[in-house]
PDB file of all heavy atoms in Angstrom:
ATOM      1  N   THR A   1       0.821  -1.164  -0.028  1.00  0.00           N
ATOM      2  CA  THR A   1       0.029  -0.003   0.000  1.00  0.00           C
ATOM      3  C   THR A   1       0.902   1.262  -0.040  1.00  0.00           C
ATOM      4  O   THR A   1       2.004   1.181   0.406  1.00  0.00           O
ATOM      5  CB  THR A   1      -0.977   0.014   1.297  1.00  0.00           C
ATOM      6  OG1 THR A   1      -0.130   0.025   2.406  1.00  0.00           O
ATOM      7  CG2 THR A   1      -1.855  -1.166   1.321  1.00  0.00           C
ATOM      8  N   THR A   2       0.296   2.296  -0.416  1.00  0.00           N
ATOM      9  CA  THR A   2       0.986   3.612  -0.330  1.00  0.00           C
ATOM     10  C   THR A   2       0.471   4.309   0.913  1.00  0.00           C
ATOM     11  O   THR A   2      -0.779   4.281   1.222  1.00  0.00           O
ATOM     12  CB  THR A   2       0.609   4.464  -1.632  1.00  0.00           C
ATOM     13  OG1 THR A   2       0.960   3.705  -2.688  1.00  0.00           O
ATOM     14  CG2 THR A   2       1.333   5.775  -1.566  1.00  0.00           C
ATOM     15  N   ALA A   3       1.364   4.802   1.660  1.00  0.00           N
ATOM     16  CA  ALA A   3       1.005   5.571   2.941  1.00  0.00           C
ATOM     17  C   ALA A   3       0.072   6.670   2.554  1.00  0.00           C
ATOM     18  O   ALA A   3       0.280   7.314   1.559  1.00  0.00           O
ATOM     19  CB  ALA A   3       2.208   6.033   3.601  1.00  0.00           C
ATOM     20  N   ARG A   4      -0.933   6.888   3.359  1.00  0.00           N
ATOM     21  CA  ARG A   4      -1.921   7.951   3.099  1.00  0.00           C
ATOM     22  C   ARG A   4      -2.175   8.859   4.391  1.00  0.00           C
ATOM     23  O   ARG A   4      -2.056   8.273   5.476  1.00  0.00           O
ATOM     24  CB  ARG A   4      -3.179   7.336   2.710  1.00  0.00           C
ATOM     25  CG  ARG A   4      -3.182   6.609   1.412  1.00  0.00           C
ATOM     26  CD  ARG A   4      -4.627   5.972   1.171  1.00  0.00           C
ATOM     27  NE  ARG A   4      -4.540   5.205  -0.062  1.00  0.00           N
ATOM     28  CZ  ARG A   4      -4.937   5.660  -1.238  1.00  0.00           C
ATOM     29  NH1 ARG A   4      -5.461   6.910  -1.370  1.00  0.00           N
ATOM     30  NH2 ARG A   4      -4.848   4.954  -2.281  1.00  0.00           N
ATOM     31  N   HIS A   5      -2.268  10.106   4.192  1.00  0.00           N
ATOM     32  CA  HIS A   5      -2.518  10.971   5.305  1.00  0.00           C
ATOM     33  C   HIS A   5      -3.986  10.629   5.805  1.00  0.00           C
ATOM     34  O   HIS A   5      -4.860  10.352   4.982  1.00  0.00           O
ATOM     35  CB  HIS A   5      -2.531  12.490   4.859  1.00  0.00           C
ATOM     36  CG  HIS A   5      -1.110  12.866   4.565  1.00  0.00           C
ATOM     37  ND1 HIS A   5      -0.235  13.239   5.537  1.00  0.00           N
ATOM     38  CD2 HIS A   5      -0.422  12.971   3.361  1.00  0.00           C
ATOM     39  CE1 HIS A   5       0.946  13.529   5.051  1.00  0.00           C
ATOM     40  NE2 HIS A   5       0.809  13.403   3.703  1.00  0.00           N
ATOM     41  N   CYS A   6      -4.206  10.787   7.092  1.00  0.00           N
ATOM     42  CA  CYS A   6      -5.450  10.491   7.656  1.00  0.00           C
ATOM     43  C   CYS A   6      -5.664  11.363   8.938  1.00  0.00           C
ATOM     44  O   CYS A   6      -4.681  11.904   9.456  1.00  0.00           O
ATOM     45  CB  CYS A   6      -5.695   8.988   7.987  1.00  0.00           C
ATOM     46  SG  CYS A   6      -4.543   8.332   9.253  1.00  0.00           S
ATOM     47  N   TRP A   7      -6.886  11.326   9.504  1.00  0.00           N
ATOM     48  CA  TRP A   7      -7.116  11.890  10.837  1.00  0.00           C
ATOM     49  C   TRP A   7      -7.393  10.776  11.742  1.00  0.00           C
ATOM     50  O   TRP A   7      -8.138   9.743  11.384  1.00  0.00           O
ATOM     51  CB  TRP A   7      -8.355  12.899  10.728  1.00  0.00           C
ATOM     52  CG  TRP A   7      -8.030  14.098   9.966  1.00  0.00           C
ATOM     53  CD1 TRP A   7      -8.463  14.447   8.727  1.00  0.00           C
ATOM     54  CD2 TRP A   7      -7.310  15.201  10.416  1.00  0.00           C
ATOM     55  NE1 TRP A   7      -7.994  15.622   8.340  1.00  0.00           N
ATOM     56  CE2 TRP A   7      -7.309  16.143   9.372  1.00  0.00           C
ATOM     57  CE3 TRP A   7      -6.580  15.461  11.557  1.00  0.00           C
ATOM     58  CZ2 TRP A   7      -6.640  17.328   9.500  1.00  0.00           C
ATOM     59  CZ3 TRP A   7      -5.958  16.748  11.729  1.00  0.00           C
ATOM     60  CH2 TRP A   7      -5.995  17.594  10.692  1.00  0.00           C
ATOM     61  N   VAL A   8      -6.882  10.832  12.968  1.00  0.00           N
ATOM     62  CA  VAL A   8      -7.137   9.911  14.053  1.00  0.00           C
ATOM     63  C   VAL A   8      -8.030  10.625  15.089  1.00  0.00           C
ATOM     64  O   VAL A   8      -7.721  11.715  15.566  1.00  0.00           O
ATOM     65  CB  VAL A   8      -5.819   9.457  14.653  1.00  0.00           C
ATOM     66  CG1 VAL A   8      -6.049   8.507  15.819  1.00  0.00           C
ATOM     67  CG2 VAL A   8      -4.922   8.858  13.594  1.00  0.00           C
ATOM     68  N   SER A   9      -9.130   9.897  15.454  1.00  0.00           N
ATOM     69  CA  SER A   9     -10.017  10.590  16.438  1.00  0.00           C
ATOM     70  C   SER A   9     -10.754   9.397  17.239  1.00  0.00           C
ATOM     71  O   SER A   9     -10.768   8.252  16.781  1.00  0.00           O
ATOM     72  CB  SER A   9     -11.007  11.540  15.849  1.00  0.00           C
ATOM     73  OG  SER A   9     -11.791  10.873  14.928  1.00  0.00           O
ATOM     74  N   GLY A  10     -11.449   9.788  18.299  1.00  0.00           N
ATOM     75  CA  GLY A  10     -12.209   8.854  19.105  1.00  0.00           C
ATOM     76  C   GLY A  10     -11.374   7.920  20.013  1.00  0.00           C
ATOM     77  O   GLY A  10     -11.865   6.910  20.396  1.00  0.00           O
ATOM     78  N   LEU A  11     -10.152   8.368  20.318  1.00  0.00           N
ATOM     79  CA  LEU A  11      -9.307   7.547  21.205  1.00  0.00           C
ATOM     80  C   LEU A  11      -9.492   7.950  22.674  1.00  0.00           C
ATOM     81  O   LEU A  11      -9.409   9.229  22.967  1.00  0.00           O
ATOM     82  CB  LEU A  11      -7.885   7.688  20.800  1.00  0.00           C
ATOM     83  CG  LEU A  11      -7.528   7.281  19.366  1.00  0.00           C
ATOM     84  CD1 LEU A  11      -6.082   7.612  19.091  1.00  0.00           C
ATOM     85  CD2 LEU A  11      -7.856   5.885  19.128  1.00  0.00           C
ATOM     86  N   PRO A  12      -9.760   7.119  23.611  1.00  0.00           N
ATOM     87  CA  PRO A  12      -9.955   7.509  24.957  1.00  0.00           C
ATOM     88  C   PRO A  12      -8.665   8.118  25.586  1.00  0.00           C
ATOM     89  O   PRO A  12      -8.824   9.050  26.337  1.00  0.00           O
ATOM     90  CB  PRO A  12     -10.347   6.229  25.670  1.00  0.00           C
ATOM     91  CG  PRO A  12     -10.189   5.125  24.697  1.00  0.00           C
ATOM     92  CD  PRO A  12      -9.995   5.668  23.401  1.00  0.00           C
ATOM     93  N   ASP A  13      -7.518   7.615  25.231  1.00  0.00           N
ATOM     94  CA  ASP A  13      -6.280   8.209  25.801  1.00  0.00           C
ATOM     95  C   ASP A  13      -5.854   9.506  25.210  1.00  0.00           C
ATOM     96  O   ASP A  13      -5.043  10.243  25.791  1.00  0.00           O
ATOM     97  CB  ASP A  13      -5.159   7.133  25.640  1.00  0.00           C
ATOM     98  CG  ASP A  13      -5.456   5.912  26.476  1.00  0.00           C
ATOM     99  OD1 ASP A  13      -6.216   5.870  27.357  1.00  0.00           O
ATOM    100  OD2 ASP A  13      -4.803   4.834  26.118  1.00  0.00           O
ATOM    101  N   HIS A  14      -6.319   9.737  24.026  1.00  0.00           N
ATOM    102  CA  HIS A  14      -5.955  11.011  23.254  1.00  0.00           C
ATOM    103  C   HIS A  14      -7.169  11.614  22.623  1.00  0.00           C
ATOM    104  O   HIS A  14      -7.343  11.518  21.456  1.00  0.00           O
ATOM    105  CB  HIS A  14      -4.897  10.682  22.166  1.00  0.00           C
ATOM    106  CG  HIS A  14      -3.690  10.005  22.685  1.00  0.00           C
ATOM    107  ND1 HIS A  14      -3.306   8.654  22.380  1.00  0.00           N
ATOM    108  CD2 HIS A  14      -2.696  10.448  23.570  1.00  0.00           C
ATOM    109  CE1 HIS A  14      -2.196   8.405  23.064  1.00  0.00           C
ATOM    110  NE2 HIS A  14      -1.819   9.431  23.747  1.00  0.00           N
ATOM    111  N   PRO A  15      -8.017  12.227  23.461  1.00  0.00           N
ATOM    112  CA  PRO A  15      -9.197  12.946  22.878  1.00  0.00           C
ATOM    113  C   PRO A  15      -8.796  13.972  21.858  1.00  0.00           C
ATOM    114  O   PRO A  15      -7.730  14.635  22.004  1.00  0.00           O
ATOM    115  CB  PRO A  15      -9.944  13.461  24.088  1.00  0.00           C
ATOM    116  CG  PRO A  15      -8.937  13.472  25.198  1.00  0.00           C
ATOM    117  CD  PRO A  15      -7.888  12.481  24.865  1.00  0.00           C
ATOM    118  N   GLY A  16      -9.645  14.144  20.947  1.00  0.00           N
ATOM    119  CA  GLY A  16      -9.328  15.191  19.900  1.00  0.00           C
ATOM    120  C   GLY A  16      -9.156  14.493  18.523  1.00  0.00           C
ATOM    121  O   GLY A  16      -9.369  13.386  18.362  1.00  0.00           O
ATOM    122  N   ARG A  17      -8.710  15.330  17.609  1.00  0.00           N
ATOM    123  CA  ARG A  17      -8.491  14.884  16.244  1.00  0.00           C
ATOM    124  C   ARG A  17      -7.041  15.135  15.926  1.00  0.00           C
ATOM    125  O   ARG A  17      -6.537  16.235  15.983  1.00  0.00           O
ATOM    126  CB  ARG A  17      -9.351  15.636  15.298  1.00  0.00           C
ATOM    127  CG  ARG A  17      -9.403  15.183  13.895  1.00  0.00           C
ATOM    128  CD  ARG A  17     -10.582  15.964  13.121  1.00  0.00           C
ATOM    129  NE  ARG A  17     -10.772  15.409  11.795  1.00  0.00           N
ATOM    130  CZ  ARG A  17     -10.866  16.149  10.779  1.00  0.00           C
ATOM    131  NH1 ARG A  17     -10.846  17.429  10.858  1.00  0.00           N
ATOM    132  NH2 ARG A  17     -11.080  15.631   9.603  1.00  0.00           N
ATOM    133  N   TRP A  18      -6.276  14.033  15.568  1.00  0.00           N
ATOM    134  CA  TRP A  18      -4.839  14.147  15.319  1.00  0.00           C
ATOM    135  C   TRP A  18      -4.460  13.806  13.926  1.00  0.00           C
ATOM    136  O   TRP A  18      -4.990  12.887  13.408  1.00  0.00           O
ATOM    137  CB  TRP A  18      -4.199  13.284  16.307  1.00  0.00           C
ATOM    138  CG  TRP A  18      -4.571  13.562  17.738  1.00  0.00           C
ATOM    139  CD1 TRP A  18      -5.500  12.880  18.453  1.00  0.00           C
ATOM    140  CD2 TRP A  18      -4.105  14.624  18.566  1.00  0.00           C
ATOM    141  NE1 TRP A  18      -5.650  13.400  19.746  1.00  0.00           N
ATOM    142  CE2 TRP A  18      -4.751  14.487  19.768  1.00  0.00           C
ATOM    143  CE3 TRP A  18      -3.239  15.588  18.391  1.00  0.00           C
ATOM    144  CZ2 TRP A  18      -4.607  15.386  20.833  1.00  0.00           C
ATOM    145  CZ3 TRP A  18      -2.961  16.487  19.462  1.00  0.00           C
ATOM    146  CH2 TRP A  18      -3.687  16.375  20.616  1.00  0.00           C
ATOM    147  N   PRO A  19      -3.497  14.529  13.315  1.00  0.00           N
ATOM    148  CA  PRO A  19      -3.025  14.131  12.042  1.00  0.00           C
ATOM    149  C   PRO A  19      -2.268  12.880  12.086  1.00  0.00           C
ATOM    150  O   PRO A  19      -1.461  12.605  12.986  1.00  0.00           O
ATOM    151  CB  PRO A  19      -2.097  15.277  11.591  1.00  0.00           C
ATOM    152  CG  PRO A  19      -1.665  15.903  12.865  1.00  0.00           C
ATOM    153  CD  PRO A  19      -2.748  15.701  13.807  1.00  0.00           C
ATOM    154  N   GLY A  20      -2.308  12.044  11.101  1.00  0.00           N
ATOM    155  CA  GLY A  20      -1.669  10.759  11.025  1.00  0.00           C
ATOM    156  C   GLY A  20      -1.350  10.307   9.703  1.00  0.00           C
ATOM    157  O   GLY A  20      -1.711  10.938   8.600  1.00  0.00           O
ATOM    158  N   LEU A  21      -0.538   9.276   9.594  1.00  0.00           N
ATOM    159  CA  LEU A  21      -0.141   8.576   8.270  1.00  0.00           C
ATOM    160  C   LEU A  21      -0.520   7.117   8.429  1.00  0.00           C
ATOM    161  O   LEU A  21       0.030   6.345   9.257  1.00  0.00           O
ATOM    162  CB  LEU A  21       1.354   8.815   8.137  1.00  0.00           C
ATOM    163  CG  LEU A  21       1.881   8.369   6.752  1.00  0.00           C
ATOM    164  CD1 LEU A  21       1.341   9.195   5.701  1.00  0.00           C
ATOM    165  CD2 LEU A  21       3.485   8.501   6.782  1.00  0.00           C
ATOM    166  N   LEU A  22      -1.445   6.765   7.587  1.00  0.00           N
ATOM    167  CA  LEU A  22      -1.908   5.338   7.534  1.00  0.00           C
ATOM    168  C   LEU A  22      -0.875   4.539   6.758  1.00  0.00           C
ATOM    169  O   LEU A  22      -0.616   4.837   5.524  1.00  0.00           O
ATOM    170  CB  LEU A  22      -3.316   5.271   6.907  1.00  0.00           C
ATOM    171  CG  LEU A  22      -3.856   3.910   6.720  1.00  0.00           C
ATOM    172  CD1 LEU A  22      -4.040   3.167   7.955  1.00  0.00           C
ATOM    173  CD2 LEU A  22      -5.110   3.987   5.884  1.00  0.00           C
ATOM    174  N   LEU A  23      -0.272   3.453   7.325  1.00  0.00           N
ATOM    175  CA  LEU A  23       0.833   2.685   6.719  1.00  0.00           C
ATOM    176  C   LEU A  23       0.232   1.428   6.084  1.00  0.00           C
ATOM    177  O   LEU A  23       0.729   1.002   4.981  1.00  0.00           O
ATOM    178  CB  LEU A  23       1.785   2.405   7.737  1.00  0.00           C
ATOM    179  CG  LEU A  23       2.439   3.602   8.424  1.00  0.00           C
ATOM    180  CD1 LEU A  23       3.374   3.155   9.510  1.00  0.00           C
ATOM    181  CD2 LEU A  23       3.116   4.460   7.427  1.00  0.00           C
ATOM    182  N   GLU A  24      -0.683   0.759   6.735  1.00  0.00           N
ATOM    183  CA  GLU A  24      -1.211  -0.519   6.188  1.00  0.00           C
ATOM    184  C   GLU A  24      -2.448  -0.878   6.909  1.00  0.00           C
ATOM    185  O   GLU A  24      -2.831  -0.335   8.015  1.00  0.00           O
ATOM    186  CB  GLU A  24      -0.216  -1.671   6.294  1.00  0.00           C
ATOM    187  CG  GLU A  24       0.171  -1.963   7.756  1.00  0.00           C
ATOM    188  CD  GLU A  24       1.185  -3.104   7.766  1.00  0.00           C
ATOM    189  OE1 GLU A  24       0.920  -4.207   7.231  1.00  0.00           O
ATOM    190  OE2 GLU A  24       2.280  -2.888   8.350  1.00  0.00           O
ATOM    191  N   TRP A  25      -3.275  -1.845   6.343  1.00  0.00           N
ATOM    192  CA  TRP A  25      -4.459  -2.361   6.896  1.00  0.00           C
ATOM    193  C   TRP A  25      -4.296  -3.818   7.201  1.00  0.00           C
ATOM    194  O   TRP A  25      -3.549  -4.555   6.595  1.00  0.00           O
ATOM    195  CB  TRP A  25      -5.623  -2.190   5.871  1.00  0.00           C
ATOM    196  CG  TRP A  25      -6.103  -0.853   5.657  1.00  0.00           C
ATOM    197  CD1 TRP A  25      -5.929  -0.020   4.642  1.00  0.00           C
ATOM    198  CD2 TRP A  25      -6.984  -0.102   6.638  1.00  0.00           C
ATOM    199  NE1 TRP A  25      -6.553   1.153   4.809  1.00  0.00           N
ATOM    200  CE2 TRP A  25      -7.164   1.174   6.004  1.00  0.00           C
ATOM    201  CE3 TRP A  25      -7.485  -0.359   7.823  1.00  0.00           C
ATOM    202  CZ2 TRP A  25      -8.021   2.128   6.572  1.00  0.00           C
ATOM    203  CZ3 TRP A  25      -8.351   0.618   8.384  1.00  0.00           C
ATOM    204  CH2 TRP A  25      -8.528   1.817   7.818  1.00  0.00           C
ATOM    205  N   ARG A  26      -5.132  -4.304   8.196  1.00  0.00           N
ATOM    206  CA  ARG A  26      -5.271  -5.708   8.350  1.00  0.00           C
ATOM    207  C   ARG A  26      -6.712  -6.027   8.747  1.00  0.00           C
ATOM    208  O   ARG A  26      -7.384  -5.157   9.381  1.00  0.00           O
ATOM    209  CB  ARG A  26      -4.290  -6.250   9.474  1.00  0.00           C
ATOM    210  CG  ARG A  26      -4.576  -5.805  10.890  1.00  0.00           C
ATOM    211  CD  ARG A  26      -3.618  -6.377  11.835  1.00  0.00           C
ATOM    212  NE  ARG A  26      -3.787  -5.831  13.220  1.00  0.00           N
ATOM    213  CZ  ARG A  26      -3.013  -6.016  14.187  1.00  0.00           C
ATOM    214  NH1 ARG A  26      -1.857  -6.600  14.011  1.00  0.00           N
ATOM    215  NH2 ARG A  26      -3.272  -5.415  15.410  1.00  0.00           N
ATOM    216  N   LYS A  27      -7.249  -7.155   8.278  1.00  0.00           N
ATOM    217  CA  LYS A  27      -8.564  -7.494   8.542  1.00  0.00           C
ATOM    218  C   LYS A  27      -8.533  -8.435   9.723  1.00  0.00           C
ATOM    219  O   LYS A  27      -7.997  -9.520   9.702  1.00  0.00           O
ATOM    220  CB  LYS A  27      -9.142  -8.208   7.307  1.00  0.00           C
ATOM    221  CG  LYS A  27     -10.622  -8.329   7.358  1.00  0.00           C
ATOM    222  CD  LYS A  27     -11.218  -8.741   5.980  1.00  0.00           C
ATOM    223  CE  LYS A  27     -12.675  -8.680   5.939  1.00  0.00           C
ATOM    224  NZ  LYS A  27     -13.202  -9.043   4.671  1.00  0.00           N
ATOM    225  N   VAL A  28      -9.173  -8.075  10.772  1.00  0.00           N
ATOM    226  CA  VAL A  28      -9.155  -8.868  12.141  1.00  0.00           C
ATOM    227  C   VAL A  28     -10.275  -9.834  12.123  1.00  0.00           C
ATOM    228  O   VAL A  28     -10.125 -10.923  12.557  1.00  0.00           O
ATOM    229  CB  VAL A  28      -9.200  -7.857  13.298  1.00  0.00           C
ATOM    230  CG1 VAL A  28      -9.225  -8.635  14.642  1.00  0.00           C
ATOM    231  CG2 VAL A  28      -8.085  -6.841  13.282  1.00  0.00           C
ATOM    232  N   THR A  29     -11.520  -9.443  11.684  1.00  0.00           N
ATOM    233  CA  THR A  29     -12.635 -10.236  11.566  1.00  0.00           C
ATOM    234  C   THR A  29     -13.312  -9.967  10.237  1.00  0.00           C
ATOM    235  O   THR A  29     -12.872  -9.002   9.590  1.00  0.00           O
ATOM    236  CB  THR A  29     -13.639 -10.058  12.756  1.00  0.00           C
ATOM    237  OG1 THR A  29     -14.258  -8.751  12.560  1.00  0.00           O
ATOM    238  CG2 THR A  29     -12.971 -10.244  14.082  1.00  0.00           C
ATOM    239  N   PRO A  30     -14.356 -10.716   9.828  1.00  0.00           N
ATOM    240  CA  PRO A  30     -14.967 -10.312   8.565  1.00  0.00           C
ATOM    241  C   PRO A  30     -15.496  -8.894   8.504  1.00  0.00           C
ATOM    242  O   PRO A  30     -15.609  -8.327   7.375  1.00  0.00           O
ATOM    243  CB  PRO A  30     -16.123 -11.349   8.485  1.00  0.00           C
ATOM    244  CG  PRO A  30     -15.642 -12.492   9.238  1.00  0.00           C
ATOM    245  CD  PRO A  30     -14.840 -11.887  10.425  1.00  0.00           C
ATOM    246  N   THR A  31     -15.726  -8.299   9.633  1.00  0.00           N
ATOM    247  CA  THR A  31     -16.293  -6.907   9.638  1.00  0.00           C
ATOM    248  C   THR A  31     -15.354  -5.936  10.321  1.00  0.00           C
ATOM    249  O   THR A  31     -15.650  -4.657  10.264  1.00  0.00           O
ATOM    250  CB  THR A  31     -17.658  -6.858  10.289  1.00  0.00           C
ATOM    251  OG1 THR A  31     -17.531  -7.262  11.687  1.00  0.00           O
ATOM    252  CG2 THR A  31     -18.678  -7.706   9.644  1.00  0.00           C
ATOM    253  N   LEU A  32     -14.305  -6.316  10.893  1.00  0.00           N
ATOM    254  CA  LEU A  32     -13.424  -5.363  11.625  1.00  0.00           C
ATOM    255  C   LEU A  32     -12.040  -5.213  10.932  1.00  0.00           C
ATOM    256  O   LEU A  32     -11.317  -6.166  10.803  1.00  0.00           O
ATOM    257  CB  LEU A  32     -13.162  -5.841  13.057  1.00  0.00           C
ATOM    258  CG  LEU A  32     -12.222  -5.013  13.861  1.00  0.00           C
ATOM    259  CD1 LEU A  32     -12.790  -3.581  14.147  1.00  0.00           C
ATOM    260  CD2 LEU A  32     -11.932  -5.681  15.223  1.00  0.00           C
ATOM    261  N   TRP A  33     -11.739  -3.911  10.635  1.00  0.00           N
ATOM    262  CA  TRP A  33     -10.418  -3.608   9.986  1.00  0.00           C
ATOM    263  C   TRP A  33      -9.686  -2.778  11.023  1.00  0.00           C
ATOM    264  O   TRP A  33     -10.185  -1.980  11.827  1.00  0.00           O
ATOM    265  CB  TRP A  33     -10.611  -2.793   8.763  1.00  0.00           C
ATOM    266  CG  TRP A  33     -11.058  -3.583   7.606  1.00  0.00           C
ATOM    267  CD1 TRP A  33     -12.395  -3.900   7.285  1.00  0.00           C
ATOM    268  CD2 TRP A  33     -10.289  -4.129   6.598  1.00  0.00           C
ATOM    269  NE1 TRP A  33     -12.403  -4.598   6.101  1.00  0.00           N
ATOM    270  CE2 TRP A  33     -11.075  -4.743   5.666  1.00  0.00           C
ATOM    271  CE3 TRP A  33      -8.864  -4.160   6.309  1.00  0.00           C
ATOM    272  CZ2 TRP A  33     -10.630  -5.431   4.550  1.00  0.00           C
ATOM    273  CZ3 TRP A  33      -8.446  -4.763   5.151  1.00  0.00           C
ATOM    274  CH2 TRP A  33      -9.255  -5.397   4.297  1.00  0.00           C
ATOM    275  N   GLN A  34      -8.311  -2.949  11.026  1.00  0.00           N
ATOM    276  CA  GLN A  34      -7.425  -2.140  11.798  1.00  0.00           C
ATOM    277  C   GLN A  34      -6.398  -1.564  10.851  1.00  0.00           C
ATOM    278  O   GLN A  34      -5.975  -2.159   9.889  1.00  0.00           O
ATOM    279  CB  GLN A  34      -6.705  -2.905  12.923  1.00  0.00           C
ATOM    280  CG  GLN A  34      -7.583  -3.405  14.036  1.00  0.00           C
ATOM    281  CD  GLN A  34      -6.810  -4.165  15.043  1.00  0.00           C
ATOM    282  OE1 GLN A  34      -5.826  -4.778  14.745  1.00  0.00           O
ATOM    283  NE2 GLN A  34      -7.289  -4.092  16.302  1.00  0.00           N
ATOM    284  N   GLY A  35      -6.022  -0.250  11.135  1.00  0.00           N
ATOM    285  CA  GLY A  35      -5.006   0.346  10.436  1.00  0.00           C
ATOM    286  C   GLY A  35      -3.740   0.639  11.274  1.00  0.00           C
ATOM    287  O   GLY A  35      -3.888   0.992  12.408  1.00  0.00           O
ATOM    288  N   ARG A  36      -2.564   0.392  10.648  1.00  0.00           N
ATOM    289  CA  ARG A  36      -1.351   0.749  11.434  1.00  0.00           C
ATOM    290  C   ARG A  36      -1.068   2.173  11.005  1.00  0.00           C
ATOM    291  O   ARG A  36      -0.813   2.512   9.900  1.00  0.00           O
ATOM    292  CB  ARG A  36      -0.191  -0.183  10.984  1.00  0.00           C
ATOM    293  CG  ARG A  36       0.987  -0.006  11.893  1.00  0.00           C
ATOM    294  CD  ARG A  36       2.176  -0.928  11.551  1.00  0.00           C
ATOM    295  NE  ARG A  36       2.748  -0.438  10.287  1.00  0.00           N
ATOM    296  CZ  ARG A  36       3.989  -0.534  10.062  1.00  0.00           C
ATOM    297  NH1 ARG A  36       4.881  -1.030  10.800  1.00  0.00           N
ATOM    298  NH2 ARG A  36       4.407  -0.054   8.968  1.00  0.00           N
ATOM    299  N   VAL A  37      -1.054   3.018  12.065  1.00  0.00           N
ATOM    300  CA  VAL A  37      -0.946   4.461  11.863  1.00  0.00           C
ATOM    301  C   VAL A  37       0.197   5.022  12.727  1.00  0.00           C
ATOM    302  O   VAL A  37       0.483   4.604  13.833  1.00  0.00           O
ATOM    303  CB  VAL A  37      -2.278   5.083  12.296  1.00  0.00           C
ATOM    304  CG1 VAL A  37      -2.252   6.615  12.075  1.00  0.00           C
ATOM    305  CG2 VAL A  37      -3.425   4.492  11.601  1.00  0.00           C
ATOM    306  N   VAL A  38       0.863   6.052  12.177  1.00  0.00           N
ATOM    307  CA  VAL A  38       1.760   6.824  12.876  1.00  0.00           C
ATOM    308  C   VAL A  38       1.079   8.201  12.996  1.00  0.00           C
ATOM    309  O   VAL A  38       0.667   8.784  12.002  1.00  0.00           O
ATOM    310  CB  VAL A  38       3.085   7.020  12.141  1.00  0.00           C
ATOM    311  CG1 VAL A  38       4.067   7.941  12.909  1.00  0.00           C
ATOM    312  CG2 VAL A  38       3.730   5.644  11.926  1.00  0.00           C
TER     313      VAL A  38
END
């Protein structure tokens, strides 16, 4: 994948909206995806 800019939000430890870089995806269950983000 090509890294893409994204916004990270909804985190209990870091409330607010933060700039990020999405590095890759993984499918955890048939309906749940996780992204590796910096």
